[in-house]
Amino acid sequence: MTENDIRKIEAHLKRLFGSPTLNVRPRPRLKDSAEVYVGEEFIGVVTDDEDDPGSFNFNMGIIAEDLE
């Protein structure tokens, strides 16, 4: 995942979720994915889509205590 990919994904997610504090950060050891944060809170991971070059997958877990 290139720096350009990360900037495009970040811009898309900011528009989609309407969150100016959302940011996408490269992972130090893994080059095929990036971490997504809102402010300083980690919310998920973006990975390359192996089946569709130029596309990405966003995975966000929601734990039970966050729903209370």
N, C-alpha and C. Protein backbone atom coordinates (compact mmCIF):
# COMPACT_ATOMS: atom_id res chain seq x y z
N MET A 1 0.86 -1.17 0.00
CA MET A 1 0.00 0.00 0.00
C MET A 1 0.90 1.23 0.00
N THR A 2 0.71 2.08 -0.96
CA THR A 2 1.58 3.26 -1.10
C THR A 2 1.04 4.42 -0.25
N GLU A 3 1.88 5.42 -0.07
CA GLU A 3 1.46 6.64 0.64
C GLU A 3 0.30 7.29 -0.11
N ASN A 4 0.32 7.26 -1.43
CA ASN A 4 -0.76 7.81 -2.24
C ASN A 4 -2.07 7.05 -1.98
N ASP A 5 -1.99 5.72 -1.90
CA ASP A 5 -3.18 4.90 -1.58
C ASP A 5 -3.75 5.32 -0.23
N ILE A 6 -2.86 5.47 0.75
CA ILE A 6 -3.29 5.83 2.11
C ILE A 6 -4.01 7.18 2.10
N ARG A 7 -3.49 8.17 1.40
CA ARG A 7 -4.12 9.50 1.34
C ARG A 7 -5.49 9.43 0.66
N LYS A 8 -5.60 8.65 -0.41
CA LYS A 8 -6.89 8.50 -1.10
C LYS A 8 -7.92 7.83 -0.19
N ILE A 9 -7.49 6.77 0.51
CA ILE A 9 -8.39 6.06 1.43
C ILE A 9 -8.82 6.99 2.55
N GLU A 10 -7.88 7.74 3.12
CA GLU A 10 -8.20 8.67 4.20
C GLU A 10 -9.22 9.70 3.75
N ALA A 11 -9.03 10.29 2.58
CA ALA A 11 -9.97 11.29 2.07
C ALA A 11 -11.35 10.68 1.87
N HIS A 12 -11.39 9.47 1.34
CA HIS A 12 -12.67 8.79 1.12
C HIS A 12 -13.39 8.53 2.45
N LEU A 13 -12.67 7.99 3.43
CA LEU A 13 -13.29 7.68 4.72
C LEU A 13 -13.74 8.94 5.45
N LYS A 14 -12.98 10.02 5.35
CA LYS A 14 -13.39 11.29 5.97
C LYS A 14 -14.71 11.78 5.37
N ARG A 15 -14.84 11.69 4.04
CA ARG A 15 -16.09 12.10 3.38
C ARG A 15 -17.23 11.16 3.78
N LEU A 16 -16.96 9.87 3.74
CA LEU A 16 -17.98 8.86 4.01
C LEU A 16 -18.54 8.99 5.42
N PHE A 17 -17.66 9.14 6.42
CA PHE A 17 -18.08 9.19 7.82
C PHE A 17 -18.25 10.61 8.35
N GLY A 18 -17.90 11.62 7.56
CA GLY A 18 -18.04 13.00 8.00
C GLY A 18 -17.20 13.31 9.22
N SER A 19 -16.00 12.75 9.27
CA SER A 19 -15.15 12.91 10.44
C SER A 19 -13.80 13.52 10.05
N PRO A 20 -13.61 14.80 10.33
CA PRO A 20 -12.34 15.44 9.99
C PRO A 20 -11.16 14.92 10.83
N THR A 21 -11.44 14.27 11.96
CA THR A 21 -10.35 13.77 12.81
C THR A 21 -9.94 12.35 12.44
N LEU A 22 -10.60 11.75 11.46
CA LEU A 22 -10.23 10.41 11.02
C LEU A 22 -8.89 10.48 10.29
N ASN A 23 -7.99 9.53 10.58
CA ASN A 23 -6.74 9.48 9.84
C ASN A 23 -6.30 8.04 9.63
N VAL A 24 -5.59 7.82 8.55
CA VAL A 24 -5.10 6.51 8.18
C VAL A 24 -3.58 6.55 8.27
N ARG A 25 -3.04 5.58 9.02
CA ARG A 25 -1.59 5.57 9.28
C ARG A 25 -0.97 4.28 8.75
N PRO A 26 0.17 4.39 8.07
CA PRO A 26 0.85 3.17 7.62
C PRO A 26 1.27 2.33 8.82
N ARG A 27 1.30 1.03 8.63
CA ARG A 27 1.77 0.14 9.69
C ARG A 27 3.28 -0.02 9.54
N PRO A 28 3.99 -0.02 10.65
CA PRO A 28 5.46 -0.03 10.58
C PRO A 28 6.05 -1.28 9.92
N ARG A 29 5.47 -2.44 10.16
CA ARG A 29 6.07 -3.67 9.66
C ARG A 29 5.32 -4.31 8.51
N LEU A 30 4.06 -3.96 8.33
CA LEU A 30 3.23 -4.57 7.29
C LEU A 30 2.94 -3.54 6.21
N LYS A 31 3.33 -3.84 5.00
CA LYS A 31 3.19 -2.88 3.90
C LYS A 31 1.89 -3.05 3.11
N ASP A 32 1.11 -4.10 3.43
CA ASP A 32 -0.13 -4.36 2.68
C ASP A 32 -1.37 -3.86 3.42
N SER A 33 -1.16 -3.08 4.51
CA SER A 33 -2.30 -2.60 5.28
C SER A 33 -1.95 -1.30 6.00
N ALA A 34 -3.00 -0.65 6.52
CA ALA A 34 -2.84 0.59 7.28
C ALA A 34 -3.87 0.60 8.40
N GLU A 35 -3.59 1.36 9.45
CA GLU A 35 -4.50 1.48 10.59
C GLU A 35 -5.35 2.74 10.46
N VAL A 36 -6.59 2.65 10.91
CA VAL A 36 -7.52 3.77 10.84
C VAL A 36 -7.82 4.23 12.27
N TYR A 37 -7.75 5.54 12.48
CA TYR A 37 -7.99 6.14 13.79
C TYR A 37 -9.01 7.27 13.65
N VAL A 38 -9.76 7.50 14.71
CA VAL A 38 -10.55 8.72 14.88
C VAL A 38 -9.92 9.41 16.07
N GLY A 39 -9.28 10.53 15.81
CA GLY A 39 -8.46 11.15 16.85
C GLY A 39 -7.32 10.19 17.15
N GLU A 40 -7.19 9.81 18.40
CA GLU A 40 -6.15 8.85 18.79
C GLU A 40 -6.73 7.46 19.05
N GLU A 41 -8.03 7.27 18.78
CA GLU A 41 -8.66 5.97 19.02
C GLU A 41 -8.60 5.09 17.77
N PHE A 42 -7.96 3.94 17.92
CA PHE A 42 -7.87 2.98 16.83
C PHE A 42 -9.26 2.41 16.56
N ILE A 43 -9.69 2.40 15.28
CA ILE A 43 -11.01 1.85 14.97
C ILE A 43 -10.98 0.71 13.96
N GLY A 44 -9.89 0.52 13.22
CA GLY A 44 -9.89 -0.57 12.26
C GLY A 44 -8.64 -0.61 11.39
N VAL A 45 -8.69 -1.54 10.43
CA VAL A 45 -7.57 -1.78 9.53
C VAL A 45 -8.06 -1.78 8.09
N VAL A 46 -7.28 -1.18 7.21
CA VAL A 46 -7.54 -1.23 5.77
C VAL A 46 -6.46 -2.13 5.17
N THR A 47 -6.90 -3.07 4.31
CA THR A 47 -5.96 -3.97 3.64
C THR A 47 -6.17 -3.93 2.13
N ASP A 48 -5.14 -4.32 1.40
CA ASP A 48 -5.27 -4.47 -0.05
C ASP A 48 -6.27 -5.57 -0.34
N ASP A 49 -7.08 -5.39 -1.36
CA ASP A 49 -8.00 -6.44 -1.82
C ASP A 49 -7.25 -7.28 -2.85
N GLU A 50 -6.90 -8.50 -2.47
CA GLU A 50 -6.10 -9.36 -3.35
C GLU A 50 -6.81 -9.71 -4.65
N ASP A 51 -8.14 -9.72 -4.64
CA ASP A 51 -8.91 -10.12 -5.81
C ASP A 51 -9.17 -8.97 -6.79
N ASP A 52 -8.99 -7.73 -6.32
CA ASP A 52 -9.31 -6.57 -7.16
C ASP A 52 -8.24 -5.50 -6.96
N PRO A 53 -7.17 -5.54 -7.76
CA PRO A 53 -6.10 -4.55 -7.61
C PRO A 53 -6.62 -3.12 -7.63
N GLY A 54 -6.12 -2.31 -6.70
CA GLY A 54 -6.56 -0.92 -6.61
C GLY A 54 -7.74 -0.74 -5.69
N SER A 55 -8.28 -1.85 -5.17
CA SER A 55 -9.39 -1.81 -4.21
C SER A 55 -8.87 -2.24 -2.84
N PHE A 56 -9.65 -1.88 -1.81
CA PHE A 56 -9.21 -2.13 -0.44
C PHE A 56 -10.38 -2.63 0.39
N ASN A 57 -10.07 -3.28 1.50
CA ASN A 57 -11.07 -3.74 2.47
C ASN A 57 -10.85 -3.02 3.79
N PHE A 58 -11.96 -2.58 4.40
CA PHE A 58 -11.90 -1.92 5.70
C PHE A 58 -12.58 -2.83 6.71
N ASN A 59 -11.86 -3.18 7.79
CA ASN A 59 -12.39 -4.06 8.81
C ASN A 59 -12.40 -3.32 10.14
N MET A 60 -13.61 -3.21 10.72
CA MET A 60 -13.77 -2.51 11.99
C MET A 60 -14.54 -3.41 12.95
N GLY A 61 -13.91 -3.75 14.07
CA GLY A 61 -14.58 -4.54 15.09
C GLY A 61 -15.34 -3.63 16.06
N ILE A 62 -16.45 -4.14 16.56
CA ILE A 62 -17.24 -3.40 17.55
C ILE A 62 -17.40 -4.33 18.75
N ILE A 63 -16.84 -3.94 19.89
CA ILE A 63 -16.93 -4.79 21.07
C ILE A 63 -18.17 -4.43 21.90
N ALA A 64 -18.64 -5.41 22.65
CA ALA A 64 -19.90 -5.27 23.39
C ALA A 64 -19.91 -4.05 24.30
N GLU A 65 -18.81 -3.76 24.98
CA GLU A 65 -18.81 -2.62 25.92
C GLU A 65 -18.99 -1.29 25.22
N ASP A 66 -18.65 -1.21 23.93
CA ASP A 66 -18.84 0.03 23.19
C ASP A 66 -20.32 0.26 22.87
N LEU A 67 -21.12 -0.79 22.91
CA LEU A 67 -22.54 -0.67 22.58
C LEU A 67 -23.39 -0.28 23.77
N GLU A 68 -22.82 -0.33 24.95
CA GLU A 68 -23.61 0.00 26.15
C GLU A 68 -23.74 1.49 26.36
